[in-house]
Amino acid sequence: MIMKINYKKIVFFAAIAIAVSACTKELNTKPTQQIDQAVALQTGNDVQVALIGAYTDLGNTNFISGQTAVDADLLGDLNEITWSGTFAGLTQMKNKTITIDNTFSTNAWLAGYKAINDVNNVLSAISVVAAKDTARVSGEAKFIRAVSYFELVKLFGKSWKDGDPAANPGVPIVLTPTRGITIENQVKRNAVTETYQQIISDLQDAESKLGNTNGFLTTKTAASAMLARVYLQKGDYANAAQAANRAITNSTANGGALLANFSDVFVMVNTAEDIFAIQVTATTGVNNLNTFYSVAGGRGDAQVTPNHLALYEAGDSRKAFFSVSGGSTYTSKFNIRFGNIHFIRLAEMYLIRAESNFRSGTSIGDVAVNDLNKIRARAKLAPLAAADLTLDNIIKDRKLELAFEGFTLHDIKRLQLPVGTLAWNAPSLVFPIPKRELVVNANLVQNDGYK
C-alpha cells in the first residue's frame, strides 16, 4: 500500500471550504484570523479538513519534505558530501557552526510545532466526529504528532545514549491547542525520556486504531514502521524487531514489496515499497531533497565525494545510481523534481529487523542474514552466508541503501561514531533552541554550547 498525501486534493478541499464560507457568510463577518474556536471545529467535516491541514504542515518544505533530512546529512557529514551552496544557514550545518538564529533550524522548530498544534486542535474536537471515523481520525492525528515530536527531539535534544535521558532536556510536550501567547502556555522542555514516551504512546495508539488501508493517508503499517524507527534510535532492539516485523507483515500482506531494481524506487513517483510518503506535485509542495541534491531541476548544492563512492562493492547497482555533471558527482535519488518524499520504505524495515535480530540473537520474522540478503539481492550483490554475517555488514548496507535520505546524523549518534574530530555527542551536533523562542519564553533552556 502506498501512503501519500495528495496535495491537489488538499487544495481542492480547502477551496471548497472557502467557497462555501463565502456564499453563506454576511459581509460584516469577522476576519478568519479572529474566528472563535467554538465555531471553527463544529462538525466532523470541519475536523477532517483540519486533519488534512495537519498532513500538509507535516509535509512543510521546512520539515519532512526533505529539509530536515538535508540538515541532518550536512551536520553529520563524514566527508562524503561537498557543499557549494550559498545558504549561510546550511553552510553552518556543514561546518558544525550553527548559530542560535540559524534560519533552517528555526524553521524546523516552527514547522514541527505548527503540525503538532494542528493535531491538538483535531483531537480537541474529536467528539464531533462520526463514530465510524473517530478511531481513524484520532489514529492519523497521533501518528502526525509522533512523527513531528520524533523529528524535533532527534534534532534539538541529546541522543538517547548521551548521558541520562531522564535528566537531559528534550523538547516541550504540548498536548492541547495553543490559540494565543500567554504566560500560562510558556512551557518548559520535557526530558528526552518523556518525549520518547509520548512519541511511543501516540504511535501505539495510532497502530491500534488504524486499518491496513487508508487511501492516500497513514495506516497501521506506517505506525508500526515508525515505532520500529523510534525503538532502534533508543537501542531497544527487542521492540524494534517486533515493530519492524509487524510493518513488514502488514505491508507485504497488502501489496507492499521491494522493487526489483533499486533505481525504480526513485524513478517512479509512487511505488509498492513506500510505507509512508509525502506527495509533492507541480502545483503544490517542494521536495528539498531535489532542491539541494539534484542538478535535474534542483540547485545541486550537495555533491558526492569519492569517499562515499569508495564504500560500494564491485557490482553494487546502487553505485551506478549517480550522475556526473560539470565534473561533479550527484546522487540520482532525487532527480524527479516533484517526486514524492519516500519517508518510510519497506527496505528500511528489513534492515531494522536484521540489525535488531542480530543484536538480540533472535529471529523474529526471519533470521538476520535472510533480511540483509533481500537488500543485497536487489543491489545485485552476492548473498552473505550466515557464518559470515557481522554487525558491520548490516550497518554498511543500511548506510548505502539509505544514503542521503536523512539518516546520517541520527545513525552516527546511536552508533556513537565520530564526525571528523568531533565526538558523536559533541554539543555542536545538536540544534540550538531558536533565539526567537528563548526571547518569548523564559521557561526554555538553551542547549549546551550555545549562548
Protein backbone atom coordinates (compact mmCIF):
# COMPACT_ATOMS: atom_id res chain seq x y z
CA MET A 1 0.00 0.00 0.00
CA ILE A 2 1.41 3.39 -0.97
CA MET A 3 0.95 6.06 1.67
CA LYS A 4 0.98 9.51 0.18
CA ILE A 5 -0.53 12.94 0.68
CA ASN A 6 -2.32 14.26 -2.38
CA TYR A 7 -1.78 18.00 -2.21
CA LYS A 8 -4.09 18.64 -5.15
CA LYS A 9 -6.93 17.19 -3.13
CA ILE A 10 -5.91 19.24 -0.10
CA VAL A 11 -6.03 22.43 -2.14
CA PHE A 12 -9.36 21.34 -3.63
CA PHE A 13 -10.91 20.66 -0.22
CA ALA A 14 -9.62 23.96 1.10
CA ALA A 15 -11.10 25.77 -1.89
CA ILE A 16 -14.49 24.16 -1.25
CA ALA A 17 -14.39 25.23 2.38
CA ILE A 18 -13.54 28.80 1.41
CA ALA A 19 -16.20 28.89 -1.29
CA VAL A 20 -18.92 27.59 0.99
CA SER A 21 -17.93 30.11 3.64
CA ALA A 22 -18.01 32.95 1.11
CA CYS A 23 -21.50 32.00 -0.04
CA THR A 24 -23.03 31.72 3.41
CA LYS A 25 -21.37 34.45 5.48
CA GLU A 26 -22.56 38.03 5.67
CA LEU A 27 -20.21 40.75 4.50
CA ASN A 28 -19.75 42.10 8.02
CA THR A 29 -18.46 38.79 9.40
CA LYS A 30 -15.25 38.84 11.41
CA PRO A 31 -11.94 38.14 9.64
CA THR A 32 -10.95 34.47 9.67
CA GLN A 33 -7.96 35.29 11.88
CA GLN A 34 -10.47 36.05 14.63
CA ILE A 35 -12.81 33.11 14.19
CA ASP A 36 -13.94 31.66 17.51
CA GLN A 37 -12.58 28.20 18.30
CA ALA A 38 -16.11 27.00 19.09
CA VAL A 39 -17.13 27.80 15.51
CA ALA A 40 -14.01 26.57 13.73
CA LEU A 41 -14.43 22.86 14.53
CA GLN A 42 -18.17 22.40 14.91
CA THR A 43 -18.67 19.37 12.67
CA GLY A 44 -16.94 16.15 11.82
CA ASN A 45 -16.22 17.55 8.36
CA ASP A 46 -14.51 20.58 9.93
CA VAL A 47 -12.26 18.25 11.91
CA GLN A 48 -11.39 16.11 8.90
CA VAL A 49 -10.46 19.20 6.88
CA ALA A 50 -8.28 20.29 9.82
CA LEU A 51 -6.65 16.86 9.79
CA ILE A 52 -5.74 17.29 6.12
CA GLY A 53 -4.20 20.60 7.14
CA ALA A 54 -2.09 18.75 9.71
CA TYR A 55 -0.78 16.43 6.98
CA THR A 56 0.03 19.49 4.89
CA ASP A 57 2.01 21.06 7.72
CA LEU A 58 3.83 17.80 8.44
CA GLY A 59 4.93 17.90 4.80
CA ASN A 60 6.01 21.52 5.03
CA THR A 61 9.07 22.49 2.97
CA ASN A 62 10.92 23.27 6.20
CA PHE A 63 10.05 19.95 7.82
CA ILE A 64 9.81 16.44 6.39
CA SER A 65 9.56 17.46 2.74
CA GLY A 66 13.29 16.93 2.66
CA GLN A 67 14.69 19.84 4.65
CA THR A 68 15.28 18.10 7.99
CA ALA A 69 16.87 15.22 6.06
CA VAL A 70 19.28 17.59 4.30
CA ASP A 71 20.01 19.34 7.62
CA ALA A 72 20.86 16.05 9.34
CA ASP A 73 23.00 14.82 6.46
CA LEU A 74 25.05 18.02 6.38
CA LEU A 75 25.51 18.15 10.15
CA GLY A 76 26.57 14.50 10.29
CA ASP A 77 28.62 14.52 7.09
CA LEU A 78 31.71 12.29 7.13
CA ASN A 79 33.43 13.98 4.17
CA GLU A 80 31.07 12.26 1.77
CA ILE A 81 29.42 15.50 0.65
CA THR A 82 30.97 18.59 -0.85
CA TRP A 83 28.81 21.64 -0.17
CA SER A 84 28.84 24.53 -2.63
CA GLY A 85 25.59 26.17 -1.59
CA THR A 86 25.19 29.85 -0.78
CA PHE A 87 22.66 29.50 2.05
CA ALA A 88 24.58 30.59 5.15
CA GLY A 89 22.42 28.50 7.47
CA LEU A 90 23.18 25.28 5.62
CA THR A 91 26.86 26.17 5.35
CA GLN A 92 26.83 26.47 9.15
CA MET A 93 25.46 22.93 9.37
CA LYS A 94 28.13 21.55 7.07
CA ASN A 95 30.80 23.35 9.15
CA LYS A 96 29.19 22.41 12.51
CA THR A 97 28.98 26.10 13.45
CA ILE A 98 25.22 26.60 13.85
CA THR A 99 24.12 29.86 15.49
CA ILE A 100 21.00 30.35 17.59
CA ASP A 101 19.40 32.42 14.84
CA ASN A 102 20.04 29.84 12.11
CA THR A 103 17.09 30.11 9.72
CA PHE A 104 16.86 26.40 8.91
CA SER A 105 16.89 25.11 12.48
CA THR A 106 14.42 27.82 13.48
CA ASN A 107 12.09 26.93 10.63
CA ALA A 108 12.22 23.24 11.55
CA TRP A 109 11.12 24.08 15.10
CA LEU A 110 8.28 26.31 13.91
CA ALA A 111 7.07 23.83 11.29
CA GLY A 112 7.11 20.94 13.75
CA TYR A 113 5.10 22.77 16.37
CA LYS A 114 2.63 24.03 13.79
CA ALA A 115 1.89 20.44 12.77
CA ILE A 116 1.60 19.48 16.45
CA ASN A 117 -0.82 22.32 17.14
CA ASP A 118 -2.93 21.27 14.14
CA VAL A 119 -3.18 17.80 15.62
CA ASN A 120 -4.04 19.11 19.06
CA ASN A 121 -6.89 21.11 17.53
CA VAL A 122 -8.16 17.99 15.77
CA LEU A 123 -8.03 15.90 18.93
CA SER A 124 -9.71 18.63 20.99
CA ALA A 125 -12.78 18.32 18.76
CA ILE A 126 -12.77 14.56 18.25
CA SER A 127 -16.17 14.28 19.96
CA VAL A 128 -17.93 15.84 16.94
CA VAL A 129 -16.51 13.27 14.52
CA ALA A 130 -18.88 10.50 13.45
CA ALA A 131 -18.42 7.31 15.46
CA LYS A 132 -17.38 5.36 12.37
CA ASP A 133 -14.50 7.78 11.77
CA THR A 134 -13.37 8.58 15.32
CA ALA A 135 -10.70 5.88 15.69
CA ARG A 136 -9.20 6.56 12.27
CA VAL A 137 -9.08 10.34 12.71
CA SER A 138 -7.55 10.00 16.17
CA GLY A 139 -5.01 7.47 14.92
CA GLU A 140 -3.94 9.62 11.99
CA ALA A 141 -3.62 12.68 14.20
CA LYS A 142 -1.48 10.89 16.75
CA PHE A 143 0.76 9.48 14.03
CA ILE A 144 1.40 13.01 12.74
CA ARG A 145 2.12 14.27 16.25
CA ALA A 146 4.51 11.40 16.96
CA VAL A 147 6.45 11.92 13.72
CA SER A 148 6.70 15.64 14.50
CA TYR A 149 8.00 15.10 18.03
CA PHE A 150 10.47 12.46 16.88
CA GLU A 151 11.95 14.77 14.26
CA LEU A 152 12.20 17.56 16.82
CA VAL A 153 13.73 15.57 19.66
CA LYS A 154 16.35 14.00 17.39
CA LEU A 155 17.49 17.43 16.25
CA PHE A 156 17.02 19.60 19.35
CA GLY A 157 17.67 17.09 22.13
CA LYS A 158 20.63 14.96 23.11
CA SER A 159 20.80 11.41 21.83
CA TRP A 160 19.17 8.73 23.98
CA LYS A 161 22.58 7.29 24.84
CA ASP A 162 24.19 10.64 25.66
CA GLY A 163 24.13 10.77 29.45
CA ASP A 164 20.86 10.40 31.32
CA PRO A 165 17.81 10.76 29.05
CA ALA A 166 15.63 11.19 32.13
CA ALA A 167 17.57 14.35 33.02
CA ASN A 168 18.53 15.70 29.59
CA PRO A 169 16.08 18.25 28.18
CA GLY A 170 14.21 17.14 25.09
CA VAL A 171 11.52 19.37 23.63
CA PRO A 172 8.32 20.79 25.16
CA ILE A 173 5.40 18.37 25.07
CA VAL A 174 2.19 20.25 24.26
CA LEU A 175 -0.97 18.17 24.06
CA THR A 176 -3.65 20.87 23.96
CA PRO A 177 -4.24 23.57 21.34
CA THR A 178 -2.28 26.80 21.65
CA ARG A 179 -4.55 29.61 20.50
CA GLY A 180 -2.61 32.56 21.83
CA ILE A 181 0.57 33.52 23.64
CA THR A 182 0.09 33.77 27.39
CA ILE A 183 2.20 33.37 30.49
CA GLU A 184 0.37 30.11 31.19
CA ASN A 185 1.43 28.43 27.96
CA GLN A 186 5.12 29.30 28.22
CA VAL A 187 6.07 25.66 28.54
CA LYS A 188 9.30 24.08 29.72
CA ARG A 189 11.31 21.45 27.88
CA ASN A 190 10.36 17.90 28.84
CA ALA A 191 13.10 15.34 29.37
CA VAL A 192 14.27 13.20 26.48
CA THR A 193 12.71 10.20 28.21
CA GLU A 194 9.34 11.93 28.49
CA THR A 195 9.46 12.99 24.86
CA TYR A 196 10.14 9.43 23.69
CA GLN A 197 7.39 8.11 25.96
CA GLN A 198 4.90 10.48 24.35
CA ILE A 199 6.04 9.51 20.85
CA ILE A 200 5.72 5.80 21.61
CA SER A 201 2.33 6.26 23.30
CA ASP A 202 0.96 8.16 20.30
CA LEU A 203 2.28 5.58 17.85
CA GLN A 204 0.94 2.64 19.85
CA ASP A 205 -2.46 4.31 19.95
CA ALA A 206 -2.28 5.01 16.21
CA GLU A 207 -1.28 1.43 15.47
CA SER A 208 -4.24 0.11 17.47
CA LYS A 209 -6.76 2.42 15.79
CA LEU A 210 -5.72 2.48 12.15
CA GLY A 211 -6.56 -0.04 9.47
CA ASN A 212 -4.32 -1.66 6.88
CA THR A 213 -5.62 0.57 4.10
CA ASN A 214 -6.50 4.25 4.21
CA GLY A 215 -6.34 5.73 0.74
CA PHE A 216 -3.61 8.34 0.49
CA LEU A 217 -3.17 8.65 4.24
CA THR A 218 -1.39 6.83 7.03
CA THR A 219 -2.11 3.25 8.11
CA LYS A 220 -1.39 0.71 10.80
CA THR A 221 1.70 -0.31 8.80
CA ALA A 222 3.11 3.22 8.93
CA ALA A 223 2.56 3.42 12.70
CA SER A 224 4.35 0.08 13.18
CA ALA A 225 7.20 1.25 10.97
CA MET A 226 7.64 4.50 12.89
CA LEU A 227 7.68 2.55 16.15
CA ALA A 228 10.47 0.39 14.72
CA ARG A 229 12.44 3.52 13.84
CA VAL A 230 11.93 5.03 17.30
CA TYR A 231 12.87 1.84 19.16
CA LEU A 232 16.00 1.46 17.02
CA GLN A 233 17.08 5.01 17.86
CA LYS A 234 16.71 4.16 21.56
CA GLY A 235 18.61 0.91 21.23
CA ASP A 236 15.54 -1.11 22.26
CA TYR A 237 16.25 -3.90 19.79
CA ALA A 238 13.66 -6.39 21.01
CA ASN A 239 10.80 -3.95 20.44
CA ALA A 240 12.39 -2.66 17.22
CA ALA A 241 12.43 -6.18 15.76
CA GLN A 242 8.81 -6.78 16.76
CA ALA A 243 7.59 -3.47 15.32
CA ALA A 244 9.57 -3.89 12.08
CA ASN A 245 8.17 -7.38 11.73
CA ARG A 246 4.61 -6.10 12.10
CA ALA A 247 5.30 -3.44 9.46
CA ILE A 248 6.78 -5.98 7.04
CA THR A 249 3.93 -8.45 7.62
CA ASN A 250 1.19 -5.83 7.13
CA SER A 251 2.90 -4.23 4.16
CA THR A 252 3.51 -7.43 2.23
CA ALA A 253 0.01 -8.71 3.04
CA ASN A 254 -1.44 -5.58 1.46
CA GLY A 255 0.55 -5.36 -1.75
CA GLY A 256 3.81 -3.93 -0.46
CA ALA A 257 7.08 -5.31 -1.83
CA LEU A 258 10.70 -4.47 -2.51
CA LEU A 259 11.01 -3.36 -6.12
CA ALA A 260 13.15 -5.49 -8.39
CA ASN A 261 15.59 -2.68 -9.15
CA PHE A 262 16.97 -0.13 -6.72
CA SER A 263 16.63 2.68 -9.26
CA ASP A 264 12.89 2.01 -9.63
CA VAL A 265 12.32 3.21 -6.08
CA PHE A 266 13.31 6.73 -7.10
CA VAL A 267 12.42 7.00 -10.78
CA MET A 268 8.80 6.11 -10.07
CA VAL A 269 6.68 8.65 -8.22
CA ASN A 270 4.66 6.10 -6.23
CA THR A 271 5.85 2.57 -5.51
CA ALA A 272 4.81 -0.56 -3.68
CA GLU A 273 7.87 -0.08 -1.48
CA ASP A 274 6.55 3.12 0.08
CA ILE A 275 5.09 2.68 3.55
CA PHE A 276 4.60 6.40 4.09
CA ALA A 277 5.34 9.08 1.53
CA ILE A 278 4.58 12.76 1.14
CA GLN A 279 3.14 13.57 -2.27
CA VAL A 280 4.68 16.56 -3.99
CA THR A 281 3.04 17.92 -7.12
CA ALA A 282 3.83 20.52 -9.75
CA THR A 283 1.21 22.82 -8.21
CA THR A 284 1.84 22.38 -4.51
CA GLY A 285 4.76 21.32 -2.38
CA VAL A 286 8.52 21.28 -2.66
CA ASN A 287 10.94 18.36 -2.46
CA ASN A 288 14.03 19.86 -0.83
CA LEU A 289 16.00 16.67 -1.42
CA ASN A 290 15.66 17.53 -5.09
CA THR A 291 16.41 21.18 -4.39
CA PHE A 292 19.80 20.58 -2.80
CA TYR A 293 20.97 17.15 -4.01
CA SER A 294 19.98 17.19 -7.68
CA VAL A 295 21.08 19.13 -10.74
CA ALA A 296 17.95 17.88 -12.52
CA GLY A 297 15.63 20.72 -11.61
CA GLY A 298 17.41 21.48 -8.35
CA ARG A 299 20.34 23.62 -7.23
CA GLY A 300 22.82 20.75 -6.97
CA ASP A 301 24.50 22.32 -3.94
CA ALA A 302 25.48 18.94 -2.45
CA GLN A 303 27.91 16.83 -4.45
CA VAL A 304 29.01 13.28 -3.63
CA THR A 305 32.70 12.76 -2.91
CA PRO A 306 34.95 9.81 -3.84
CA ASN A 307 34.98 8.90 -0.13
CA HIS A 308 31.36 7.81 -0.41
CA LEU A 309 31.68 6.10 -3.78
CA ALA A 310 34.60 4.02 -2.48
CA LEU A 311 32.30 2.31 0.05
CA TYR A 312 30.42 0.26 -2.56
CA GLU A 313 31.38 -3.28 -3.53
CA ALA A 314 32.08 -4.10 -7.15
CA GLY A 315 28.83 -4.82 -8.96
CA ASP A 316 26.61 -2.92 -6.48
CA SER A 317 23.82 -1.44 -8.61
CA ARG A 318 23.44 1.36 -6.06
CA LYS A 319 26.88 2.64 -7.08
CA ALA A 320 25.61 3.08 -10.62
CA PHE A 321 22.81 5.34 -9.42
CA PHE A 322 24.85 8.54 -9.57
CA SER A 323 25.29 11.11 -12.32
CA VAL A 324 28.18 13.36 -13.30
CA SER A 325 27.68 16.97 -14.33
CA GLY A 326 30.34 19.65 -14.70
CA GLY A 327 32.91 17.30 -13.23
CA SER A 328 30.91 16.75 -10.02
CA THR A 329 29.04 13.62 -8.93
CA TYR A 330 25.44 13.73 -7.72
CA THR A 331 23.06 11.15 -6.29
CA SER A 332 20.28 10.30 -8.74
CA LYS A 333 17.79 9.51 -5.99
CA PHE A 334 16.02 12.84 -6.21
CA ASN A 335 16.08 13.76 -9.87
CA ILE A 336 12.29 13.90 -10.15
CA ARG A 337 11.58 17.50 -9.28
CA PHE A 338 8.11 16.81 -7.95
CA GLY A 339 8.80 13.28 -6.78
CA ASN A 340 7.38 12.05 -3.51
CA ILE A 341 9.32 12.19 -0.29
CA HIS A 342 9.75 8.45 0.36
CA PHE A 343 9.68 8.97 4.12
CA ILE A 344 9.45 5.30 5.15
CA ARG A 345 10.45 2.50 2.79
CA LEU A 346 9.99 -1.23 3.23
CA ALA A 347 13.74 -1.70 2.70
CA GLU A 348 14.38 0.19 5.93
CA MET A 349 12.15 -2.23 7.83
CA TYR A 350 14.13 -5.26 6.60
CA LEU A 351 17.33 -3.53 7.71
CA ILE A 352 15.91 -2.66 11.13
CA ARG A 353 14.66 -6.21 11.63
CA ALA A 354 18.02 -7.63 10.54
CA GLU A 355 20.04 -5.39 12.85
CA SER A 356 17.71 -5.82 15.82
CA ASN A 357 17.53 -9.61 15.49
CA PHE A 358 21.30 -9.85 15.07
CA ARG A 359 21.97 -7.75 18.16
CA SER A 360 19.40 -9.65 20.23
CA GLY A 361 20.26 -13.13 18.94
CA THR A 362 16.65 -13.60 17.82
CA SER A 363 14.93 -14.48 14.57
CA ILE A 364 11.63 -12.61 14.81
CA GLY A 365 10.02 -12.85 11.37
CA ASP A 366 13.20 -14.25 9.79
CA VAL A 367 16.88 -14.67 10.52
CA ALA A 368 19.03 -11.57 10.10
CA VAL A 369 21.07 -12.87 7.17
CA ASN A 370 17.93 -13.51 5.09
CA ASP A 371 16.67 -9.99 5.63
CA LEU A 372 20.02 -8.47 4.74
CA ASN A 373 20.33 -10.68 1.67
CA LYS A 374 16.99 -9.34 0.38
CA ILE A 375 18.58 -5.90 0.27
CA ARG A 376 21.83 -7.22 -1.21
CA ALA A 377 20.00 -9.22 -3.88
CA ARG A 378 18.14 -6.13 -5.01
CA ALA A 379 21.54 -4.34 -5.21
CA LYS A 380 22.77 -7.22 -7.43
CA LEU A 381 25.28 -8.39 -4.80
CA ALA A 382 26.10 -11.95 -3.83
CA PRO A 383 24.39 -13.22 -0.68
CA LEU A 384 26.26 -13.48 2.58
CA ALA A 385 26.49 -16.79 4.41
CA ALA A 386 25.09 -16.81 7.93
CA ALA A 387 28.54 -17.62 9.30
CA ASP A 388 29.99 -14.53 7.63
CA LEU A 389 27.35 -12.08 8.81
CA THR A 390 28.59 -9.31 11.10
CA LEU A 391 27.03 -6.20 12.58
CA ASP A 392 29.35 -4.17 10.38
CA ASN A 393 27.86 -5.86 7.29
CA ILE A 394 24.38 -4.80 8.34
CA ILE A 395 25.37 -1.25 9.27
CA LYS A 396 27.25 -0.77 6.00
CA ASP A 397 24.36 -1.95 3.82
CA ARG A 398 22.00 0.25 5.82
CA LYS A 399 24.25 3.23 5.17
CA LEU A 400 24.44 2.57 1.42
CA GLU A 401 20.76 1.72 1.00
CA LEU A 402 19.53 4.81 2.86
CA ALA A 403 22.31 7.22 1.83
CA PHE A 404 21.27 10.89 1.53
CA GLU A 405 17.80 10.21 2.95
CA GLY A 406 18.44 11.93 6.27
CA PHE A 407 19.73 9.07 8.44
CA THR A 408 23.41 10.05 8.67
CA LEU A 409 23.41 12.16 11.82
CA HIS A 410 20.96 10.00 13.75
CA ASP A 411 22.78 6.76 12.94
CA ILE A 412 26.08 8.34 13.96
CA LYS A 413 24.62 9.22 17.33
CA ARG A 414 23.04 5.86 18.06
CA LEU A 415 26.19 4.04 16.91
CA GLN A 416 28.43 6.52 18.78
CA LEU A 417 30.69 7.24 15.81
CA PRO A 418 32.90 10.32 15.47
CA VAL A 419 32.24 13.07 12.95
CA GLY A 420 35.75 14.00 11.89
CA THR A 421 37.43 15.31 15.03
CA LEU A 422 34.10 15.69 16.85
CA ALA A 423 32.77 13.09 19.26
CA TRP A 424 29.34 11.65 18.48
CA ASN A 425 27.86 13.61 21.39
CA ALA A 426 29.53 16.94 20.69
CA PRO A 427 27.21 19.89 21.53
CA SER A 428 27.66 21.28 18.01
CA LEU A 429 25.87 18.21 16.62
CA VAL A 430 22.65 19.26 18.36
CA PHE A 431 20.48 22.10 17.06
CA PRO A 432 20.23 25.17 19.31
CA ILE A 433 16.86 26.21 20.68
CA PRO A 434 15.95 29.11 18.37
CA LYS A 435 16.71 32.59 19.64
CA ARG A 436 13.18 33.81 18.94
CA GLU A 437 11.75 31.07 21.19
CA LEU A 438 14.04 32.00 24.07
CA VAL A 439 13.02 35.65 23.76
CA VAL A 440 9.30 34.94 24.10
CA ASN A 441 9.52 32.02 26.54
CA ALA A 442 11.68 32.47 29.63
CA ASN A 443 10.98 28.87 30.67
CA LEU A 444 13.05 27.38 27.84
CA VAL A 445 16.68 26.48 28.47
CA GLN A 446 19.33 26.57 25.76
CA ASN A 447 21.37 23.54 24.72
CA ASP A 448 24.97 23.11 25.83
CA GLY A 449 27.50 25.02 23.76
CA TYR A 450 25.15 27.82 22.72
CA LYS A 451 24.62 31.30 24.19
